[in-house]
Amino acid sequence: MRVPVISVDNTPLMPTKPSRARRWIKDGSAIGKFDKLGIFYVQLLAESSNTETQEIVLGLDPGKLFSGDGF
């Protein structure tokens, strides 16, 4: 499981582990929030040291829509 991370200026960063997110909240370097869909994320309160992000690719399997012999 990963926790989404948002920077000070609301740009998305790479997700982090829940243990690190809890430590950031406990240390006061981030705050926990929920979005409109109820997904928990953390927003950093200080500028992050690394803002590099990876590209995200979505793959769809059309065979998943086929459920058997049609009965």
PDB file of N, CA and C in Angstrom:
ATOM      1  N   MET A   1       0.848  -1.172   0.000  1.00  0.00           N
ATOM      2  CA  MET A   1       0.000   0.000   0.000  1.00  0.00           C
ATOM      3  C   MET A   1       0.895   1.238   0.000  1.00  0.00           C
ATOM      4  N   ARG A   2       0.513   2.239  -0.719  1.00  0.00           N
ATOM      5  CA  ARG A   2       1.241   3.501  -0.787  1.00  0.00           C
ATOM      6  C   ARG A   2       0.300   4.654  -0.479  1.00  0.00           C
ATOM      7  N   VAL A   3       0.860   5.714   0.084  1.00  0.00           N
ATOM      8  CA  VAL A   3       0.093   6.903   0.444  1.00  0.00           C
ATOM      9  C   VAL A   3       0.479   8.018  -0.520  1.00  0.00           C
ATOM     10  N   PRO A   4      -0.503   8.633  -1.199  1.00  0.00           N
ATOM     11  CA  PRO A   4      -0.184   9.748  -2.096  1.00  0.00           C
ATOM     12  C   PRO A   4       0.396  10.929  -1.323  1.00  0.00           C
ATOM     13  N   VAL A   5       1.291  11.670  -1.994  1.00  0.00           N
ATOM     14  CA  VAL A   5       1.951  12.826  -1.379  1.00  0.00           C
ATOM     15  C   VAL A   5       1.731  14.047  -2.263  1.00  0.00           C
ATOM     16  N   ILE A   6       1.379  15.157  -1.647  1.00  0.00           N
ATOM     17  CA  ILE A   6       1.175  16.431  -2.342  1.00  0.00           C
ATOM     18  C   ILE A   6       2.163  17.435  -1.764  1.00  0.00           C
ATOM     19  N   SER A   7       2.782  18.237  -2.630  1.00  0.00           N
ATOM     20  CA  SER A   7       3.755  19.224  -2.165  1.00  0.00           C
ATOM     21  C   SER A   7       3.051  20.444  -1.579  1.00  0.00           C
ATOM     22  N   VAL A   8       3.831  21.396  -1.143  1.00  0.00           N
ATOM     23  CA  VAL A   8       3.306  22.636  -0.556  1.00  0.00           C
ATOM     24  C   VAL A   8       2.428  23.386  -1.553  1.00  0.00           C
ATOM     25  N   ASP A   9       2.829  23.371  -2.837  1.00  0.00           N
ATOM     26  CA  ASP A   9       2.068  24.104  -3.860  1.00  0.00           C
ATOM     27  C   ASP A   9       1.071  23.211  -4.606  1.00  0.00           C
ATOM     28  N   ASN A  10       0.628  22.121  -3.973  1.00  0.00           N
ATOM     29  CA  ASN A  10      -0.409  21.210  -4.482  1.00  0.00           C
ATOM     30  C   ASN A  10      -0.031  20.467  -5.755  1.00  0.00           C
ATOM     31  N   THR A  11       1.241  20.218  -5.991  1.00  0.00           N
ATOM     32  CA  THR A  11       1.633  19.371  -7.116  1.00  0.00           C
ATOM     33  C   THR A  11       1.863  17.951  -6.590  1.00  0.00           C
ATOM     34  N   PRO A  12       1.390  16.943  -7.333  1.00  0.00           N
ATOM     35  CA  PRO A  12       1.550  15.571  -6.865  1.00  0.00           C
ATOM     36  C   PRO A  12       3.003  15.108  -6.926  1.00  0.00           C
ATOM     37  N   LEU A  13       3.424  14.401  -5.898  1.00  0.00           N
ATOM     38  CA  LEU A  13       4.758  13.814  -5.825  1.00  0.00           C
ATOM     39  C   LEU A  13       4.613  12.297  -5.801  1.00  0.00           C
ATOM     40  N   MET A  14       5.728  11.607  -5.703  1.00  0.00           N
ATOM     41  CA  MET A  14       5.703  10.154  -5.657  1.00  0.00           C
ATOM     42  C   MET A  14       5.071   9.684  -4.342  1.00  0.00           C
ATOM     43  N   PRO A  15       4.295   8.602  -4.378  1.00  0.00           N
ATOM     44  CA  PRO A  15       3.697   8.069  -3.154  1.00  0.00           C
ATOM     45  C   PRO A  15       4.760   7.551  -2.189  1.00  0.00           C
ATOM     46  N   THR A  16       4.387   7.405  -0.937  1.00  0.00           N
ATOM     47  CA  THR A  16       5.310   6.928   0.079  1.00  0.00           C
ATOM     48  C   THR A  16       4.680   5.795   0.873  1.00  0.00           C
ATOM     49  N   LYS A  17       5.473   5.176   1.715  1.00  0.00           N
ATOM     50  CA  LYS A  17       4.991   4.098   2.572  1.00  0.00           C
ATOM     51  C   LYS A  17       4.168   4.687   3.716  1.00  0.00           C
ATOM     52  N   PRO A  18       3.186   3.935   4.211  1.00  0.00           N
ATOM     53  CA  PRO A  18       2.378   4.446   5.328  1.00  0.00           C
ATOM     54  C   PRO A  18       3.204   4.775   6.573  1.00  0.00           C
ATOM     55  N   SER A  19       4.251   3.998   6.843  1.00  0.00           N
ATOM     56  CA  SER A  19       5.070   4.268   8.025  1.00  0.00           C
ATOM     57  C   SER A  19       5.778   5.609   7.912  1.00  0.00           C
ATOM     58  N   ARG A  20       6.254   5.946   6.730  1.00  0.00           N
ATOM     59  CA  ARG A  20       6.917   7.232   6.529  1.00  0.00           C
ATOM     60  C   ARG A  20       5.908   8.375   6.631  1.00  0.00           C
ATOM     61  N   ALA A  21       4.700   8.168   6.085  1.00  0.00           N
ATOM     62  CA  ALA A  21       3.659   9.195   6.176  1.00  0.00           C
ATOM     63  C   ALA A  21       3.285   9.456   7.629  1.00  0.00           C
ATOM     64  N   ARG A  22       3.156   8.390   8.426  1.00  0.00           N
ATOM     65  CA  ARG A  22       2.859   8.562   9.858  1.00  0.00           C
ATOM     66  C   ARG A  22       3.972   9.327  10.563  1.00  0.00           C
ATOM     67  N   ARG A  23       5.230   9.023  10.219  1.00  0.00           N
ATOM     68  CA  ARG A  23       6.365   9.710  10.841  1.00  0.00           C
ATOM     69  C   ARG A  23       6.361  11.188  10.469  1.00  0.00           C
ATOM     70  N   TRP A  24       6.060  11.509   9.202  1.00  0.00           N
ATOM     71  CA  TRP A  24       5.999  12.915   8.784  1.00  0.00           C
ATOM     72  C   TRP A  24       4.926  13.669   9.564  1.00  0.00           C
ATOM     73  N   ILE A  25       3.765  13.042   9.741  1.00  0.00           N
ATOM     74  CA  ILE A  25       2.665  13.688  10.465  1.00  0.00           C
ATOM     75  C   ILE A  25       3.041  13.876  11.933  1.00  0.00           C
ATOM     76  N   LYS A  26       3.654  12.858  12.535  1.00  0.00           N
ATOM     77  CA  LYS A  26       4.061  12.944  13.933  1.00  0.00           C
ATOM     78  C   LYS A  26       5.128  14.013  14.143  1.00  0.00           C
ATOM     79  N   ASP A  27       6.073  14.130  13.199  1.00  0.00           N
ATOM     80  CA  ASP A  27       7.141  15.131  13.292  1.00  0.00           C
ATOM     81  C   ASP A  27       6.663  16.546  12.966  1.00  0.00           C
ATOM     82  N   GLY A  28       5.488  16.674  12.357  1.00  0.00           N
ATOM     83  CA  GLY A  28       4.964  17.987  12.007  1.00  0.00           C
ATOM     84  C   GLY A  28       5.438  18.491  10.659  1.00  0.00           C
ATOM     85  N   SER A  29       6.037  17.628   9.841  1.00  0.00           N
ATOM     86  CA  SER A  29       6.491  18.072   8.522  1.00  0.00           C
ATOM     87  C   SER A  29       5.429  17.852   7.446  1.00  0.00           C
ATOM     88  N   ALA A  30       4.298  17.228   7.808  1.00  0.00           N
ATOM     89  CA  ALA A  30       3.198  17.025   6.866  1.00  0.00           C
ATOM     90  C   ALA A  30       1.898  16.942   7.656  1.00  0.00           C
ATOM     91  N   ILE A  31       0.789  17.130   6.926  1.00  0.00           N
ATOM     92  CA  ILE A  31      -0.528  16.963   7.532  1.00  0.00           C
ATOM     93  C   ILE A  31      -1.309  15.947   6.710  1.00  0.00           C
ATOM     94  N   GLY A  32      -2.123  15.168   7.378  1.00  0.00           N
ATOM     95  CA  GLY A  32      -2.964  14.195   6.696  1.00  0.00           C
ATOM     96  C   GLY A  32      -4.281  14.814   6.290  1.00  0.00           C
ATOM     97  N   LYS A  33      -4.733  14.481   5.085  1.00  0.00           N
ATOM     98  CA  LYS A  33      -5.996  15.007   4.566  1.00  0.00           C
ATOM     99  C   LYS A  33      -6.746  13.904   3.831  1.00  0.00           C
ATOM    100  N   PHE A  34      -8.032  14.136   3.571  1.00  0.00           N
ATOM    101  CA  PHE A  34      -8.846  13.251   2.753  1.00  0.00           C
ATOM    102  C   PHE A  34      -9.371  14.040   1.565  1.00  0.00           C
ATOM    103  N   ASP A  35      -9.382  13.412   0.374  1.00  0.00           N
ATOM    104  CA  ASP A  35      -9.930  14.099  -0.795  1.00  0.00           C
ATOM    105  C   ASP A  35     -11.436  13.860  -0.877  1.00  0.00           C
ATOM    106  N   LYS A  36     -12.072  14.302  -1.957  1.00  0.00           N
ATOM    107  CA  LYS A  36     -13.521  14.193  -2.111  1.00  0.00           C
ATOM    108  C   LYS A  36     -14.003  12.742  -2.150  1.00  0.00           C
ATOM    109  N   LEU A  37     -13.132  11.832  -2.612  1.00  0.00           N
ATOM    110  CA  LEU A  37     -13.499  10.421  -2.698  1.00  0.00           C
ATOM    111  C   LEU A  37     -13.192   9.649  -1.423  1.00  0.00           C
ATOM    112  N   GLY A  38     -12.644  10.325  -0.420  1.00  0.00           N
ATOM    113  CA  GLY A  38     -12.333   9.689   0.839  1.00  0.00           C
ATOM    114  C   GLY A  38     -10.968   9.022   0.881  1.00  0.00           C
ATOM    115  N   ILE A  39     -10.101   9.340  -0.075  1.00  0.00           N
ATOM    116  CA  ILE A  39      -8.762   8.764  -0.116  1.00  0.00           C
ATOM    117  C   ILE A  39      -7.836   9.616   0.744  1.00  0.00           C
ATOM    118  N   PHE A  40      -7.105   8.950   1.643  1.00  0.00           N
ATOM    119  CA  PHE A  40      -6.184   9.647   2.527  1.00  0.00           C
ATOM    120  C   PHE A  40      -4.897   9.995   1.780  1.00  0.00           C
ATOM    121  N   TYR A  41      -4.384  11.201   1.994  1.00  0.00           N
ATOM    122  CA  TYR A  41      -3.104  11.618   1.427  1.00  0.00           C
ATOM    123  C   TYR A  41      -2.419  12.553   2.403  1.00  0.00           C
ATOM    124  N   VAL A  42      -1.121  12.775   2.192  1.00  0.00           N
ATOM    125  CA  VAL A  42      -0.389  13.708   3.043  1.00  0.00           C
ATOM    126  C   VAL A  42       0.065  14.899   2.216  1.00  0.00           C
ATOM    127  N   GLN A  43       0.017  16.078   2.822  1.00  0.00           N
ATOM    128  CA  GLN A  43       0.514  17.292   2.190  1.00  0.00           C
ATOM    129  C   GLN A  43       1.703  17.787   2.990  1.00  0.00           C
ATOM    130  N   LEU A  44       2.819  17.949   2.297  1.00  0.00           N
ATOM    131  CA  LEU A  44       4.033  18.420   2.953  1.00  0.00           C
ATOM    132  C   LEU A  44       3.886  19.882   3.344  1.00  0.00           C
ATOM    133  N   LEU A  45       4.481  20.260   4.467  1.00  0.00           N
ATOM    134  CA  LEU A  45       4.428  21.636   4.935  1.00  0.00           C
ATOM    135  C   LEU A  45       5.701  22.403   4.602  1.00  0.00           C
ATOM    136  N   ALA A  46       6.743  21.705   4.172  1.00  0.00           N
ATOM    137  CA  ALA A  46       8.002  22.329   3.772  1.00  0.00           C
ATOM    138  C   ALA A  46       8.318  21.882   2.342  1.00  0.00           C
ATOM    139  N   GLU A  47       9.137  22.659   1.673  1.00  0.00           N
ATOM    140  CA  GLU A  47       9.519  22.324   0.304  1.00  0.00           C
ATOM    141  C   GLU A  47      10.275  20.996   0.294  1.00  0.00           C
ATOM    142  N   SER A  48       9.922  20.100  -0.637  1.00  0.00           N
ATOM    143  CA  SER A  48      10.577  18.798  -0.695  1.00  0.00           C
ATOM    144  C   SER A  48      11.951  18.913  -1.342  1.00  0.00           C
ATOM    145  N   SER A  49      12.838  17.996  -0.978  1.00  0.00           N
ATOM    146  CA  SER A  49      14.197  18.035  -1.501  1.00  0.00           C
ATOM    147  C   SER A  49      14.287  17.435  -2.895  1.00  0.00           C
ATOM    148  N   ASN A  50      13.320  16.599  -3.269  1.00  0.00           N
ATOM    149  CA  ASN A  50      13.352  15.949  -4.569  1.00  0.00           C
ATOM    150  C   ASN A  50      11.961  15.985  -5.177  1.00  0.00           C
ATOM    151  N   THR A  51      11.822  16.596  -6.339  1.00  0.00           N
ATOM    152  CA  THR A  51      10.510  16.691  -6.976  1.00  0.00           C
ATOM    153  C   THR A  51      10.436  15.866  -8.253  1.00  0.00           C
ATOM    154  N   GLU A  52      11.363  14.918  -8.441  1.00  0.00           N
ATOM    155  CA  GLU A  52      11.316  14.062  -9.615  1.00  0.00           C
ATOM    156  C   GLU A  52      10.172  13.066  -9.473  1.00  0.00           C
ATOM    157  N   THR A  53       9.434  12.837 -10.559  1.00  0.00           N
ATOM    158  CA  THR A  53       8.358  11.862 -10.556  1.00  0.00           C
ATOM    159  C   THR A  53       8.546  10.906 -11.728  1.00  0.00           C
ATOM    160  N   GLN A  54       7.983   9.714 -11.596  1.00  0.00           N
ATOM    161  CA  GLN A  54       8.024   8.728 -12.665  1.00  0.00           C
ATOM    162  C   GLN A  54       6.762   8.827 -13.485  1.00  0.00           C
ATOM    163  N   GLU A  55       6.852   8.406 -14.754  1.00  0.00           N
ATOM    164  CA  GLU A  55       5.662   8.354 -15.594  1.00  0.00           C
ATOM    165  C   GLU A  55       4.806   7.178 -15.156  1.00  0.00           C
ATOM    166  N   ILE A  56       3.500   7.352 -15.240  1.00  0.00           N
ATOM    167  CA  ILE A  56       2.565   6.301 -14.875  1.00  0.00           C
ATOM    168  C   ILE A  56       1.925   5.768 -16.141  1.00  0.00           C
ATOM    169  N   VAL A  57       1.864   4.442 -16.257  1.00  0.00           N
ATOM    170  CA  VAL A  57       1.297   3.802 -17.433  1.00  0.00           C
ATOM    171  C   VAL A  57       0.140   2.924 -16.984  1.00  0.00           C
ATOM    172  N   LEU A  58      -0.961   2.997 -17.716  1.00  0.00           N
ATOM    173  CA  LEU A  58      -2.138   2.198 -17.413  1.00  0.00           C
ATOM    174  C   LEU A  58      -2.299   1.148 -18.492  1.00  0.00           C
ATOM    175  N   GLY A  59      -2.452  -0.093 -18.105  1.00  0.00           N
ATOM    176  CA  GLY A  59      -2.651  -1.170 -19.074  1.00  0.00           C
ATOM    177  C   GLY A  59      -4.022  -1.790 -18.888  1.00  0.00           C
ATOM    178  N   LEU A  60      -4.729  -2.015 -19.988  1.00  0.00           N
ATOM    179  CA  LEU A  60      -6.048  -2.640 -19.948  1.00  0.00           C
ATOM    180  C   LEU A  60      -5.973  -3.994 -20.637  1.00  0.00           C
ATOM    181  N   ASP A  61      -6.644  -4.979 -20.066  1.00  0.00           N
ATOM    182  CA  ASP A  61      -6.686  -6.315 -20.633  1.00  0.00           C
ATOM    183  C   ASP A  61      -8.082  -6.550 -21.191  1.00  0.00           C
ATOM    184  N   PRO A  62      -8.261  -6.481 -22.547  1.00  0.00           N
ATOM    185  CA  PRO A  62      -9.608  -6.663 -23.108  1.00  0.00           C
ATOM    186  C   PRO A  62     -10.148  -8.072 -22.884  1.00  0.00           C
ATOM    187  N   GLY A  63      -9.294  -9.054 -22.651  1.00  0.00           N
ATOM    188  CA  GLY A  63      -9.744 -10.411 -22.385  1.00  0.00           C
ATOM    189  C   GLY A  63     -10.484 -10.531 -21.070  1.00  0.00           C
ATOM    190  N   LYS A  64     -10.298  -9.608 -20.190  1.00  0.00           N
ATOM    191  CA  LYS A  64     -10.972  -9.627 -18.899  1.00  0.00           C
ATOM    192  C   LYS A  64     -12.491  -9.484 -19.059  1.00  0.00           C
ATOM    193  N   LEU A  65     -12.935  -8.868 -20.151  1.00  0.00           N
ATOM    194  CA  LEU A  65     -14.364  -8.660 -20.368  1.00  0.00           C
ATOM    195  C   LEU A  65     -15.074  -9.946 -20.809  1.00  0.00           C
ATOM    196  N   PHE A  66     -14.328 -10.927 -21.280  1.00  0.00           N
ATOM    197  CA  PHE A  66     -14.896 -12.198 -21.710  1.00  0.00           C
ATOM    198  C   PHE A  66     -15.057 -13.088 -20.498  1.00  0.00           C
ATOM    199  N   SER A  67     -16.287 -13.573 -20.258  1.00  0.00           N
ATOM    200  CA  SER A  67     -16.559 -14.307 -19.011  1.00  0.00           C
ATOM    201  C   SER A  67     -16.828 -15.789 -19.217  1.00  0.00           C
ATOM    202  N   GLY A  68     -16.567 -16.339 -20.379  1.00  0.00           N
ATOM    203  CA  GLY A  68     -16.766 -17.771 -20.557  1.00  0.00           C
ATOM    204  C   GLY A  68     -17.369 -18.095 -21.908  1.00  0.00           C
ATOM    205  N   ASP A  69     -18.206 -19.147 -21.949  1.00  0.00           N
ATOM    206  CA  ASP A  69     -18.741 -19.616 -23.226  1.00  0.00           C
ATOM    207  C   ASP A  69     -20.056 -18.961 -23.596  1.00  0.00           C
ATOM    208  N   GLY A  70     -20.501 -17.966 -22.892  1.00  0.00           N
ATOM    209  CA  GLY A  70     -21.677 -17.198 -23.292  1.00  0.00           C
ATOM    210  C   GLY A  70     -22.982 -17.661 -22.693  1.00  0.00           C
ATOM    211  N   PHE A  71     -22.995 -18.621 -21.787  1.00  0.00           N
ATOM    212  CA  PHE A  71     -24.255 -19.080 -21.201  1.00  0.00           C
ATOM    213  C   PHE A  71     -24.676 -18.224 -20.055  1.00  0.00           C
TER     214      PHE A  71
END
